[in-house]
Amino acid sequence: MLAHEGHTNKGQSASINLGLKQASGKYIAILDSDDFWELNKLEIQVAYLEQNPDIGLVYCNGYGVDSDGQRYYDFYPEDPKENNDPNRVLLDCYILLPQNSLVRKKVYDRVGFFNEEYRSAQDHDMLIRISEVCTFAYLPDYVFNYRRHENSISTKKQDVRWTTGFKILEAASKRYPYKSSTIRKRKAVLNFRLGQVFIRQGRYMKALVHIFKAGILDPLRSLKVLLGKEVVN
């Protein structure tokens, strides 16, 4: 059992980093406290990475579950076509790192630790950084269960998550040659998400400002979302 000095709460990123600093194996698997794996998760993913040394991260399908562990949706209703484009990772955030993934330790050694300044969305930041340096692979096996309930960290403080997203986007744009269209469209997604949060909070003027910005930044996708033809991740 690892603990911070003085048993202080330094946040999720610092706790994960504490484990990463002590890790000595070939692969890194991280499981959040609310979620759980199928028994064969590591067996399937380790076998794949052993057979494919050019792959740095492998991810799989899984289920969304409620607070009682009852399954109510497939995480990937349709198997994704992995094209290893960091632009796609930045824009759509379609891989659930770390729950559905197994990563080579040397990849973490290369990209560094989770950013401890972020108290939310640090998983998305890490996924983006990993996508910039290694190749991904997808397997259709169902190996993880992602719990969603009102008290989960991913459900609370959504405004913090999407506000942090702007910081992550700025850092990514300085680090890697992303397409200008990707940067613009990601800004649209972040503004749209903040608009949704402010609507739920009853802050309608702030919501209107952010949704308007989203429409200006990516009018075509905004129209598809309004017509129910596309879902924003």
Protein backbone atom coordinates (compact mmCIF):
# COMPACT_ATOMS: atom_id res chain seq x y z
CA MET A 1 0.00 0.00 0.00
CA LEU A 2 1.41 3.38 -1.07
CA ALA A 3 0.57 6.66 0.65
CA HIS A 4 1.56 10.30 0.30
CA GLU A 5 3.74 11.77 3.00
CA GLY A 6 1.54 12.70 5.93
CA HIS A 7 -1.36 10.82 4.29
CA THR A 8 -2.46 14.07 2.64
CA ASN A 9 -5.01 14.09 -0.18
CA LYS A 10 -3.14 15.41 -3.20
CA GLY A 11 -5.72 14.42 -5.80
CA GLN A 12 -6.16 11.57 -8.25
CA SER A 13 -3.27 12.49 -10.55
CA ALA A 14 -0.76 12.61 -7.71
CA SER A 15 -1.97 9.24 -6.43
CA ILE A 16 -1.64 7.60 -9.85
CA ASN A 17 1.80 9.15 -10.27
CA LEU A 18 2.85 7.70 -6.93
CA GLY A 19 2.10 4.26 -8.34
CA LEU A 20 3.74 4.97 -11.69
CA LYS A 21 6.97 5.96 -9.96
CA GLN A 22 7.08 2.58 -8.22
CA ALA A 23 6.02 0.47 -11.22
CA SER A 24 8.68 -1.84 -12.63
CA GLY A 25 6.82 -4.14 -15.04
CA LYS A 26 6.39 -3.99 -18.82
CA TYR A 27 2.77 -2.82 -18.78
CA ILE A 28 0.66 -0.33 -16.85
CA ALA A 29 -3.02 -0.97 -16.04
CA ILE A 30 -4.96 1.55 -13.94
CA LEU A 31 -8.39 0.94 -12.44
CA ASP A 32 -10.50 3.72 -10.92
CA SER A 33 -12.25 2.95 -7.64
CA ASP A 34 -15.79 3.02 -9.06
CA ASP A 35 -15.12 0.66 -11.97
CA PHE A 36 -14.32 -3.03 -12.39
CA TRP A 37 -12.76 -5.33 -14.97
CA GLU A 38 -13.79 -8.68 -16.35
CA LEU A 39 -11.50 -11.48 -15.15
CA ASN A 40 -9.86 -11.93 -18.56
CA LYS A 41 -9.13 -8.25 -19.20
CA LEU A 42 -5.39 -8.33 -18.56
CA GLU A 43 -4.95 -11.77 -20.12
CA ILE A 44 -6.42 -10.59 -23.43
CA GLN A 45 -4.56 -7.29 -23.57
CA VAL A 46 -1.18 -8.60 -22.41
CA ALA A 47 -1.34 -11.41 -24.98
CA TYR A 48 -2.04 -8.87 -27.73
CA LEU A 49 0.82 -6.55 -26.77
CA GLU A 50 3.20 -9.51 -26.48
CA GLN A 51 2.33 -10.49 -30.05
CA ASN A 52 2.40 -6.91 -31.42
CA PRO A 53 5.52 -5.10 -30.18
CA ASP A 54 4.81 -2.07 -32.39
CA ILE A 55 1.60 -1.25 -30.47
CA GLY A 56 1.95 1.04 -27.46
CA LEU A 57 -1.65 1.00 -26.20
CA VAL A 58 -4.46 -1.51 -26.64
CA TYR A 59 -8.06 -0.78 -25.69
CA CYS A 60 -11.27 -2.82 -25.68
CA ASN A 61 -15.03 -2.60 -25.46
CA GLY A 62 -17.00 -2.68 -22.23
CA TYR A 63 -20.23 -1.75 -20.50
CA GLY A 64 -21.65 1.26 -18.75
CA VAL A 65 -23.12 0.13 -15.44
CA ASP A 66 -25.28 1.74 -12.77
CA SER A 67 -24.49 2.06 -9.06
CA ASP A 68 -25.60 -1.56 -8.53
CA GLY A 69 -23.36 -2.88 -11.30
CA GLN A 70 -26.24 -3.51 -13.71
CA ARG A 71 -25.25 -3.07 -17.34
CA TYR A 72 -27.29 -0.57 -19.35
CA TYR A 73 -25.24 0.29 -22.44
CA ASP A 74 -22.31 -0.86 -24.57
CA PHE A 75 -19.44 1.61 -24.41
CA TYR A 76 -18.88 1.16 -28.16
CA PRO A 77 -22.21 0.27 -29.82
CA GLU A 78 -20.20 -0.03 -33.03
CA ASP A 79 -16.56 -1.13 -33.04
CA PRO A 80 -14.35 1.92 -33.73
CA LYS A 81 -12.08 1.93 -36.76
CA GLU A 82 -8.74 2.83 -35.24
CA ASN A 83 -6.72 5.01 -37.63
CA ASN A 84 -4.12 6.27 -35.13
CA ASP A 85 -4.73 9.94 -35.81
CA PRO A 86 -3.94 12.22 -32.83
CA ASN A 87 -6.32 14.77 -34.35
CA ARG A 88 -9.20 12.36 -33.88
CA VAL A 89 -8.18 11.63 -30.27
CA LEU A 90 -7.98 15.34 -29.46
CA LEU A 91 -11.32 16.10 -31.08
CA ASP A 92 -13.49 13.19 -29.99
CA CYS A 93 -11.88 11.71 -26.84
CA TYR A 94 -13.19 8.25 -27.79
CA ILE A 95 -10.88 6.05 -25.67
CA LEU A 96 -11.64 5.62 -21.98
CA LEU A 97 -8.15 5.83 -20.53
CA PRO A 98 -7.30 4.19 -18.19
CA GLN A 99 -10.27 1.85 -17.63
CA ASN A 100 -10.38 0.07 -20.99
CA SER A 101 -6.68 0.26 -21.83
CA LEU A 102 -3.33 -1.38 -21.25
CA VAL A 103 -0.23 0.71 -21.94
CA ARG A 104 3.43 -0.20 -22.21
CA LYS A 105 5.43 1.26 -19.35
CA LYS A 106 7.97 2.68 -21.79
CA VAL A 107 5.18 4.84 -23.25
CA TYR A 108 4.51 6.40 -19.84
CA ASP A 109 8.27 6.79 -19.39
CA ARG A 110 8.31 8.79 -22.60
CA VAL A 111 5.29 11.07 -22.06
CA GLY A 112 5.74 11.63 -18.33
CA PHE A 113 3.32 11.63 -15.43
CA PHE A 114 -0.30 12.72 -15.13
CA ASN A 115 -0.57 16.50 -14.77
CA GLU A 116 -1.17 17.16 -11.08
CA GLU A 117 -2.41 20.69 -11.77
CA TYR A 118 -5.55 19.20 -13.31
CA ARG A 119 -8.17 18.02 -10.80
CA SER A 120 -10.39 16.94 -13.70
CA ALA A 121 -9.89 15.69 -17.28
CA GLN A 122 -6.33 14.56 -16.52
CA ASP A 123 -7.19 11.25 -18.20
CA HIS A 124 -8.01 13.04 -21.46
CA ASP A 125 -4.78 15.02 -21.25
CA MET A 126 -2.76 11.83 -20.80
CA LEU A 127 -4.55 10.07 -23.67
CA ILE A 128 -3.76 12.97 -26.00
CA ARG A 129 -0.10 12.92 -25.03
CA ILE A 130 0.12 9.15 -25.52
CA SER A 131 -1.55 9.38 -28.95
CA GLU A 132 1.20 11.76 -30.06
CA VAL A 133 3.99 9.22 -29.49
CA CYS A 134 2.67 5.68 -30.07
CA THR A 135 0.34 3.44 -32.06
CA PHE A 136 -3.03 2.24 -30.72
CA ALA A 137 -5.01 -0.94 -31.38
CA TYR A 138 -8.63 -1.84 -30.64
CA LEU A 139 -9.97 -5.27 -29.68
CA PRO A 140 -13.75 -5.94 -29.63
CA ASP A 141 -13.66 -7.98 -26.39
CA TYR A 142 -15.85 -6.74 -23.51
CA VAL A 143 -13.40 -6.41 -20.63
CA PHE A 144 -14.40 -3.49 -18.40
CA ASN A 145 -17.37 -1.97 -16.61
CA TYR A 146 -17.62 1.81 -16.30
CA ARG A 147 -19.80 2.94 -13.42
CA ARG A 148 -21.88 6.10 -13.78
CA HIS A 149 -23.77 7.57 -10.84
CA GLU A 150 -24.47 11.01 -9.42
CA ASN A 151 -21.63 10.89 -6.90
CA SER A 152 -18.90 9.82 -9.32
CA ILE A 153 -16.05 12.24 -9.97
CA SER A 154 -16.83 12.18 -13.70
CA THR A 155 -20.41 13.30 -13.03
CA LYS A 156 -19.74 16.08 -10.51
CA LYS A 157 -18.12 19.43 -11.34
CA GLN A 158 -18.59 19.10 -15.09
CA ASP A 159 -17.88 22.82 -15.52
CA VAL A 160 -14.38 22.23 -14.10
CA ARG A 161 -13.83 19.34 -16.51
CA TRP A 162 -14.71 21.33 -19.61
CA THR A 163 -12.93 24.49 -18.45
CA THR A 164 -9.81 22.38 -17.90
CA GLY A 165 -10.32 21.14 -21.44
CA PHE A 166 -9.33 24.58 -22.76
CA LYS A 167 -6.02 24.38 -20.85
CA ILE A 168 -5.40 20.89 -22.22
CA LEU A 169 -6.16 22.07 -25.74
CA GLU A 170 -3.79 25.02 -25.46
CA ALA A 171 -0.97 22.79 -24.21
CA ALA A 172 -1.60 20.24 -26.97
CA SER A 173 -1.53 22.88 -29.70
CA LYS A 174 1.89 24.06 -28.50
CA ARG A 175 3.27 20.52 -28.29
CA TYR A 176 2.10 18.86 -31.53
CA PRO A 177 1.27 20.06 -35.09
CA TYR A 178 -2.49 19.56 -34.94
CA LYS A 179 -4.65 20.75 -37.82
CA SER A 180 -6.09 24.21 -37.28
CA SER A 181 -9.52 22.77 -38.07
CA THR A 182 -9.10 20.24 -35.23
CA ILE A 183 -8.26 23.00 -32.75
CA ARG A 184 -11.23 25.06 -33.89
CA LYS A 185 -13.66 22.13 -33.73
CA ARG A 186 -12.43 21.08 -30.28
CA LYS A 187 -13.04 24.61 -29.03
CA ALA A 188 -16.58 24.26 -30.37
CA VAL A 189 -17.07 21.00 -28.44
CA LEU A 190 -15.79 22.54 -25.20
CA ASN A 191 -18.04 25.58 -25.57
CA PHE A 192 -21.04 23.39 -26.33
CA ARG A 193 -20.37 21.20 -23.29
CA LEU A 194 -20.01 24.23 -21.02
CA GLY A 195 -23.27 25.55 -22.44
CA GLN A 196 -24.99 22.30 -21.48
CA VAL A 197 -23.59 22.51 -17.95
CA PHE A 198 -24.75 26.10 -17.49
CA ILE A 199 -28.25 25.20 -18.72
CA ARG A 200 -28.47 22.50 -16.03
CA GLN A 201 -27.27 25.05 -13.47
CA GLY A 202 -29.90 27.57 -14.56
CA ARG A 203 -27.24 30.04 -15.77
CA TYR A 204 -28.95 30.65 -19.09
CA MET A 205 -27.09 33.75 -20.30
CA LYS A 206 -23.69 32.06 -19.86
CA ALA A 207 -25.10 28.97 -21.55
CA LEU A 208 -26.29 31.03 -24.52
CA VAL A 209 -22.86 32.66 -24.94
CA HIS A 210 -21.03 29.32 -25.04
CA ILE A 211 -23.54 27.61 -27.32
CA PHE A 212 -23.38 30.59 -29.68
CA LYS A 213 -19.57 30.32 -29.74
CA ALA A 214 -19.85 26.61 -30.55
CA GLY A 215 -22.14 27.40 -33.47
CA ILE A 216 -19.72 29.99 -34.86
CA LEU A 217 -16.68 27.70 -34.49
CA ASP A 218 -18.27 24.61 -36.05
CA PRO A 219 -21.62 25.45 -37.69
CA LEU A 220 -22.02 22.19 -39.61
CA ARG A 221 -21.55 19.93 -36.59
CA SER A 222 -23.69 22.22 -34.45
CA LEU A 223 -26.53 21.84 -36.92
CA LYS A 224 -26.18 18.05 -36.89
CA VAL A 225 -26.28 18.04 -33.08
CA LEU A 226 -29.39 20.23 -33.02
CA LEU A 227 -31.07 17.88 -35.51
CA GLY A 228 -30.14 14.85 -33.40
CA LYS A 229 -27.93 13.38 -36.12
CA GLU A 230 -24.70 13.49 -34.10
CA VAL A 231 -23.68 13.20 -30.45
CA VAL A 232 -20.89 15.37 -29.04
CA ASN A 233 -18.28 13.51 -26.95
